[in-house]
Amino acid sequence: MTAIVDRALTPSERGYATPIRAGRRADRADRGDGDDRIDASIVAALLRKDFLAARRSKATVIPMLVVPFVLLVVLPAGIGWYARTATSPDLSGLLARIPGHLARELSALSPAQQMVQLVLGYLIAPLFLVVPRTASAALAADSFAGEKERRTLESLLHLPVRDRELYVAKVLFAFIPAVALSWIGFVLFAVTANLVAWPVMGRVFVPTLKWFGLVGLIAPGVAALGLGVMVRVSARCATTQEANQLGGAVIMPLILTTVGQTTGLLMLAPQWILVAAAAIWAVAITLVVRGMRRFSRDRVASRL
């Protein structure tokens, strides 16, 4: 791993001897030469190392795969099957309490179609924000705390890389798999829902244009929202479990507020999804940038 990173650095950047000296020199360079660029080849090398390590950790990989499968494949399959075999409930009372355009859309359907459309087309939407949030938090908590548990943090801090490059690599290590899982899960959900509910619906009913806005814009924003906090928390904690507990207590209220409004967004005009996505990304970028500026390898090394 060190050889890979060394090849990506200039000869003058290979002179760092210790994590403390490396962090101080990088910090002085960051403040003195005005060069805010991030070497993509170094970040890519760090990502390859982290992905290889995470792939060997069953405690990290299995929950990341099982939870999305249950929420986005098993659950919609069960709802679709229930709609095909059970007596559909009377939703007239519920239709009177939802927005007029949606009530008119559902009123034109049969009772079985109403249940499928309402549940799989609207009410299940928050699950697409739970998945990226869960995956990104798990990986972000493992970013530094996991290195401590595996006793590899000291060698990581000795690598001749800048603090900002190390921080960006840890953020992307959590962000990329979370978004990938969200998008793959969305495809599986759409295929499963349409196949199982086809005898009831007789057509492809998901996804809609609003769904693409939700999964393509808001879900990645939710994944990024907690990373600026979780990566810094992971650097301060001794174990992944401690990082998960402390980080969850900090960002969970914000995430729950976002998730709680998701179904309502699908019932509103499409432009409100863009407004919500812009607000979420603004907060997420602010947290990540502030975290990168405050991150210091010296502080991480002092907690070994």
Protein backbone atom coordinates (compact mmCIF):
# COMPACT_ATOMS: atom_id res chain seq x y z
CA MET A 1 0.00 0.00 0.00
CA THR A 2 2.83 2.41 0.88
CA ALA A 3 4.51 1.66 -2.43
CA ILE A 4 1.32 2.49 -4.31
CA VAL A 5 0.99 5.81 -2.52
CA ASP A 6 4.69 6.58 -2.90
CA ARG A 7 4.44 6.24 -6.67
CA ALA A 8 1.63 8.79 -6.66
CA LEU A 9 3.71 11.38 -4.76
CA THR A 10 6.42 13.73 -5.91
CA PRO A 11 9.93 13.09 -4.53
CA SER A 12 9.70 16.09 -2.21
CA GLU A 13 6.50 14.75 -0.63
CA ARG A 14 8.10 11.41 0.33
CA GLY A 15 10.19 12.83 3.13
CA TYR A 16 7.61 12.54 5.91
CA ALA A 17 8.97 10.30 8.66
CA THR A 18 6.26 10.15 11.31
CA PRO A 19 2.49 10.78 11.41
CA ILE A 20 3.01 13.82 13.63
CA ARG A 21 5.64 15.36 11.36
CA ALA A 22 3.66 14.39 8.28
CA GLY A 23 0.54 16.06 9.62
CA ARG A 24 2.43 19.21 10.62
CA ARG A 25 4.22 19.53 7.31
CA ALA A 26 1.03 18.94 5.38
CA ASP A 27 -0.78 21.49 7.53
CA ARG A 28 1.96 24.07 6.95
CA ALA A 29 1.82 23.39 3.23
CA ASP A 30 -1.97 23.72 3.28
CA ARG A 31 -1.78 27.10 4.98
CA GLY A 32 1.35 28.42 3.30
CA ASP A 33 1.37 27.61 -0.40
CA GLY A 34 -2.33 28.09 -1.05
CA ASP A 35 -2.51 24.75 -2.87
CA ASP A 36 -5.90 23.23 -2.01
CA ARG A 37 -5.73 20.53 -4.66
CA ILE A 38 -6.28 16.89 -3.75
CA ASP A 39 -4.26 14.21 -5.51
CA ALA A 40 -6.86 11.84 -6.97
CA SER A 41 -4.34 9.03 -7.43
CA ILE A 42 -3.49 9.04 -3.73
CA VAL A 43 -7.16 9.05 -2.76
CA ALA A 44 -7.79 6.16 -5.17
CA ALA A 45 -4.93 4.15 -3.64
CA LEU A 46 -6.30 4.71 -0.14
CA LEU A 47 -9.77 3.71 -1.31
CA ARG A 48 -8.48 0.45 -2.80
CA LYS A 49 -6.82 -0.38 0.50
CA ASP A 50 -10.00 0.38 2.49
CA PHE A 51 -12.28 -1.55 0.14
CA LEU A 52 -10.05 -4.63 0.33
CA ALA A 53 -10.06 -4.46 4.13
CA ALA A 54 -13.84 -3.95 4.32
CA ARG A 55 -14.50 -6.83 1.96
CA ARG A 56 -12.81 -9.19 4.42
CA SER A 57 -14.96 -7.97 7.32
CA LYS A 58 -18.14 -10.03 7.51
CA ALA A 59 -19.45 -7.89 10.37
CA THR A 60 -19.50 -4.92 8.00
CA VAL A 61 -20.47 -6.53 4.70
CA ILE A 62 -23.30 -8.84 5.77
CA PRO A 63 -25.53 -6.19 7.44
CA MET A 64 -24.95 -3.85 4.49
CA LEU A 65 -26.30 -6.49 2.10
CA VAL A 66 -29.00 -8.11 4.23
CA VAL A 67 -30.78 -4.92 5.37
CA PRO A 68 -31.31 -3.49 1.84
CA PHE A 69 -32.40 -6.90 0.56
CA VAL A 70 -35.03 -7.27 3.28
CA LEU A 71 -36.32 -3.70 2.99
CA LEU A 72 -36.24 -3.30 -0.78
CA VAL A 73 -36.91 -6.83 -2.07
CA VAL A 74 -38.56 -9.04 0.57
CA LEU A 75 -40.90 -6.34 1.92
CA PRO A 76 -42.31 -5.16 -1.45
CA ALA A 77 -42.65 -8.78 -2.58
CA GLY A 78 -44.68 -9.57 0.54
CA ILE A 79 -46.92 -6.51 0.07
CA GLY A 80 -47.52 -7.32 -3.58
CA TRP A 81 -48.32 -10.93 -2.77
CA TYR A 82 -50.71 -9.88 -0.01
CA ALA A 83 -52.54 -7.56 -2.41
CA ARG A 84 -52.99 -10.45 -4.84
CA THR A 85 -54.35 -12.96 -2.34
CA ALA A 86 -56.11 -11.06 0.48
CA THR A 87 -59.30 -9.05 0.59
CA SER A 88 -58.36 -5.42 0.05
CA PRO A 89 -59.31 -2.97 2.81
CA ASP A 90 -61.57 0.02 2.27
CA LEU A 91 -59.31 3.05 1.81
CA SER A 92 -62.05 5.63 1.29
CA GLY A 93 -61.45 7.21 4.71
CA LEU A 94 -57.74 7.51 4.02
CA LEU A 95 -58.29 8.98 0.56
CA ALA A 96 -60.27 11.81 2.11
CA ARG A 97 -57.17 12.89 4.08
CA ILE A 98 -54.55 12.98 1.31
CA PRO A 99 -53.95 15.67 -1.35
CA GLY A 100 -56.68 16.06 -3.93
CA HIS A 101 -54.66 15.14 -7.02
CA LEU A 102 -53.43 11.93 -5.38
CA ALA A 103 -56.92 11.08 -4.11
CA ARG A 104 -58.31 11.46 -7.63
CA GLU A 105 -55.53 9.25 -9.02
CA LEU A 106 -56.21 6.51 -6.49
CA SER A 107 -60.01 6.77 -6.75
CA ALA A 108 -59.78 5.65 -10.38
CA LEU A 109 -58.22 2.34 -9.29
CA SER A 110 -59.70 -0.82 -7.83
CA PRO A 111 -59.33 -1.41 -4.05
CA ALA A 112 -56.46 -3.86 -4.58
CA GLN A 113 -54.72 -1.44 -6.93
CA GLN A 114 -55.22 1.40 -4.48
CA MET A 115 -53.39 -0.48 -1.73
CA VAL A 116 -50.49 -1.45 -4.01
CA GLN A 117 -50.15 2.05 -5.46
CA LEU A 118 -50.39 3.79 -2.09
CA VAL A 119 -48.02 1.49 -0.19
CA LEU A 120 -45.42 0.66 -2.83
CA GLY A 121 -45.70 3.92 -4.72
CA TYR A 122 -45.65 6.32 -1.75
CA LEU A 123 -45.52 4.98 1.80
CA ILE A 124 -42.45 2.80 1.29
CA ALA A 125 -40.40 5.76 0.07
CA PRO A 126 -38.60 6.48 3.39
CA LEU A 127 -36.87 3.10 3.15
CA PHE A 128 -34.79 4.46 0.27
CA LEU A 129 -33.28 6.97 2.67
CA VAL A 130 -32.81 4.47 5.50
CA VAL A 131 -30.59 2.26 3.33
CA PRO A 132 -27.94 4.85 2.33
CA ARG A 133 -27.96 6.35 5.82
CA THR A 134 -27.41 2.94 7.44
CA ALA A 135 -24.68 1.89 5.01
CA SER A 136 -22.78 5.18 5.09
CA ALA A 137 -22.92 5.37 8.90
CA ALA A 138 -21.62 1.81 9.29
CA LEU A 139 -18.69 2.39 6.96
CA ALA A 140 -17.92 5.87 8.30
CA ALA A 141 -17.85 4.51 11.86
CA ASP A 142 -15.36 1.89 10.67
CA SER A 143 -13.14 4.44 8.91
CA PHE A 144 -10.74 5.17 11.80
CA ALA A 145 -12.21 3.21 14.73
CA GLY A 146 -12.04 0.04 12.63
CA GLU A 147 -8.38 0.75 11.87
CA LYS A 148 -7.75 0.98 15.62
CA GLU A 149 -9.50 -2.32 16.25
CA ARG A 150 -7.49 -4.01 13.48
CA ARG A 151 -4.29 -2.35 14.79
CA THR A 152 -3.55 -0.83 11.38
CA LEU A 153 -4.10 2.84 12.27
CA GLU A 154 -0.47 3.55 13.12
CA SER A 155 0.74 2.34 9.72
CA LEU A 156 -2.04 4.35 8.06
CA LEU A 157 -0.91 7.53 9.81
CA HIS A 158 2.68 6.92 8.69
CA LEU A 159 1.69 7.05 5.02
CA PRO A 160 3.14 10.12 3.26
CA VAL A 161 -0.20 11.70 2.38
CA ARG A 162 -1.83 14.98 3.30
CA ASP A 163 -4.49 15.15 5.96
CA ARG A 164 -7.10 16.31 3.49
CA GLU A 165 -6.41 13.39 1.16
CA LEU A 166 -6.74 10.91 4.02
CA TYR A 167 -9.99 12.55 5.12
CA VAL A 168 -11.48 12.62 1.60
CA ALA A 169 -10.58 8.96 1.09
CA LYS A 170 -12.38 7.99 4.30
CA VAL A 171 -15.47 10.00 3.32
CA LEU A 172 -15.61 8.46 -0.16
CA PHE A 173 -15.03 5.02 1.36
CA ALA A 174 -18.39 5.38 3.12
CA PHE A 175 -20.20 7.43 0.47
CA ILE A 176 -19.60 5.36 -2.69
CA PRO A 177 -20.86 1.96 -1.41
CA ALA A 178 -23.85 3.62 0.30
CA VAL A 179 -25.00 5.30 -2.91
CA ALA A 180 -24.29 2.18 -4.96
CA LEU A 181 -26.38 0.06 -2.59
CA SER A 182 -29.19 2.62 -2.73
CA TRP A 183 -29.29 2.65 -6.53
CA ILE A 184 -28.94 -1.12 -6.91
CA GLY A 185 -31.63 -1.60 -4.27
CA PHE A 186 -33.90 0.80 -6.15
CA VAL A 187 -33.56 -1.24 -9.35
CA LEU A 188 -34.28 -4.48 -7.48
CA PHE A 189 -37.25 -2.85 -5.75
CA ALA A 190 -38.74 -1.63 -9.02
CA VAL A 191 -38.31 -5.02 -10.70
CA THR A 192 -39.71 -6.93 -7.69
CA ALA A 193 -42.67 -4.61 -7.15
CA ASN A 194 -43.73 -4.62 -10.79
CA LEU A 195 -43.35 -8.38 -11.19
CA VAL A 196 -45.21 -9.35 -8.02
CA ALA A 197 -47.96 -6.75 -8.43
CA TRP A 198 -48.43 -7.25 -12.18
CA PRO A 199 -51.53 -9.48 -11.78
CA VAL A 200 -53.12 -6.64 -9.76
CA MET A 201 -51.83 -3.56 -11.57
CA GLY A 202 -51.48 -4.91 -15.11
CA ARG A 203 -48.79 -2.28 -15.86
CA VAL A 204 -45.46 -0.87 -14.72
CA PHE A 205 -46.34 1.57 -11.92
CA VAL A 206 -42.94 2.28 -10.37
CA PRO A 207 -40.71 4.16 -10.74
CA THR A 208 -42.17 7.56 -11.50
CA LEU A 209 -40.31 10.78 -12.27
CA LYS A 210 -40.51 11.77 -8.61
CA TRP A 211 -38.87 8.51 -7.59
CA PHE A 212 -35.85 9.32 -9.76
CA GLY A 213 -35.52 12.65 -7.96
CA LEU A 214 -35.78 10.94 -4.59
CA VAL A 215 -33.26 8.19 -5.31
CA GLY A 216 -30.95 10.16 -7.58
CA LEU A 217 -30.70 13.39 -5.57
CA ILE A 218 -32.04 13.07 -2.04
CA ALA A 219 -30.72 9.59 -1.17
CA PRO A 220 -27.06 10.46 -1.95
CA GLY A 221 -27.52 13.70 -0.01
CA VAL A 222 -28.74 11.78 3.03
CA ALA A 223 -25.75 9.44 2.70
CA ALA A 224 -23.41 12.44 2.69
CA LEU A 225 -25.28 14.25 5.44
CA GLY A 226 -23.82 12.32 8.34
CA LEU A 227 -20.38 11.58 6.92
CA GLY A 228 -18.78 14.83 8.00
CA VAL A 229 -19.81 14.02 11.56
CA MET A 230 -19.34 10.25 11.53
CA VAL A 231 -15.79 10.27 10.15
CA ARG A 232 -14.65 12.75 12.80
CA VAL A 233 -16.44 10.76 15.51
CA SER A 234 -14.75 7.58 14.28
CA ALA A 235 -11.35 9.28 14.58
CA ARG A 236 -12.08 10.04 18.25
CA CYS A 237 -13.53 6.67 19.28
CA ALA A 238 -11.68 3.50 20.20
CA THR A 239 -14.15 1.01 18.69
CA THR A 240 -16.61 0.90 15.81
CA GLN A 241 -19.48 0.21 18.19
CA GLU A 242 -18.66 3.32 20.21
CA ALA A 243 -18.45 5.40 17.02
CA ASN A 244 -21.84 4.11 15.86
CA GLN A 245 -23.48 4.92 19.18
CA LEU A 246 -22.00 8.39 19.56
CA GLY A 247 -22.41 9.37 15.92
CA GLY A 248 -25.96 8.06 15.81
CA ALA A 249 -26.93 10.17 18.78
CA VAL A 250 -25.62 13.26 16.98
CA ILE A 251 -27.05 12.83 13.49
CA MET A 252 -30.12 10.64 14.06
CA PRO A 253 -32.52 13.54 14.80
CA LEU A 254 -31.49 15.26 11.57
CA ILE A 255 -31.85 12.08 9.55
CA LEU A 256 -35.24 11.22 11.05
CA THR A 257 -36.52 14.69 10.20
CA THR A 258 -35.47 14.19 6.59
CA VAL A 259 -36.84 10.66 6.32
CA GLY A 260 -40.14 11.64 7.94
CA GLN A 261 -40.87 14.13 5.17
CA THR A 262 -40.13 11.78 2.27
CA THR A 263 -43.63 10.40 1.67
CA GLY A 264 -45.02 13.92 1.76
CA LEU A 265 -42.52 15.02 -0.90
CA LEU A 266 -43.79 12.37 -3.30
CA MET A 267 -47.31 13.72 -2.83
CA LEU A 268 -46.27 17.30 -3.68
CA ALA A 269 -45.22 18.93 -6.93
CA PRO A 270 -41.87 17.69 -8.39
CA GLN A 271 -40.09 21.01 -7.78
CA TRP A 272 -40.33 20.47 -4.03
CA ILE A 273 -38.06 17.44 -4.38
CA LEU A 274 -35.43 19.68 -5.98
CA VAL A 275 -35.81 22.21 -3.16
CA ALA A 276 -35.43 19.50 -0.52
CA ALA A 277 -32.43 17.98 -2.31
CA ALA A 278 -30.71 21.39 -2.52
CA ALA A 279 -31.24 21.98 1.21
CA ILE A 280 -29.94 18.52 2.18
CA TRP A 281 -26.86 18.83 -0.04
CA ALA A 282 -26.10 22.31 1.29
CA VAL A 283 -26.02 21.00 4.86
CA ALA A 284 -24.09 17.86 3.84
CA ILE A 285 -21.39 19.77 1.95
CA THR A 286 -21.02 22.23 4.82
CA LEU A 287 -20.49 19.41 7.31
CA VAL A 288 -17.99 17.58 5.11
CA VAL A 289 -15.96 20.71 4.30
CA ARG A 290 -15.88 21.82 7.95
CA GLY A 291 -14.84 18.31 8.96
CA MET A 292 -12.01 18.31 6.39
CA ARG A 293 -10.72 21.67 7.62
CA ARG A 294 -10.74 20.60 11.27
CA PHE A 295 -9.38 17.09 10.69
CA SER A 296 -5.82 16.60 11.93
CA ARG A 297 -3.69 13.49 11.88
CA ASP A 298 -1.95 14.80 15.01
CA ARG A 299 -5.19 14.53 16.97
CA VAL A 300 -5.84 11.01 15.71
CA ALA A 301 -2.29 9.92 16.59
CA SER A 302 -2.62 11.39 20.08
CA ARG A 303 -5.52 9.01 20.78
CA LEU A 304 -3.65 5.81 19.94
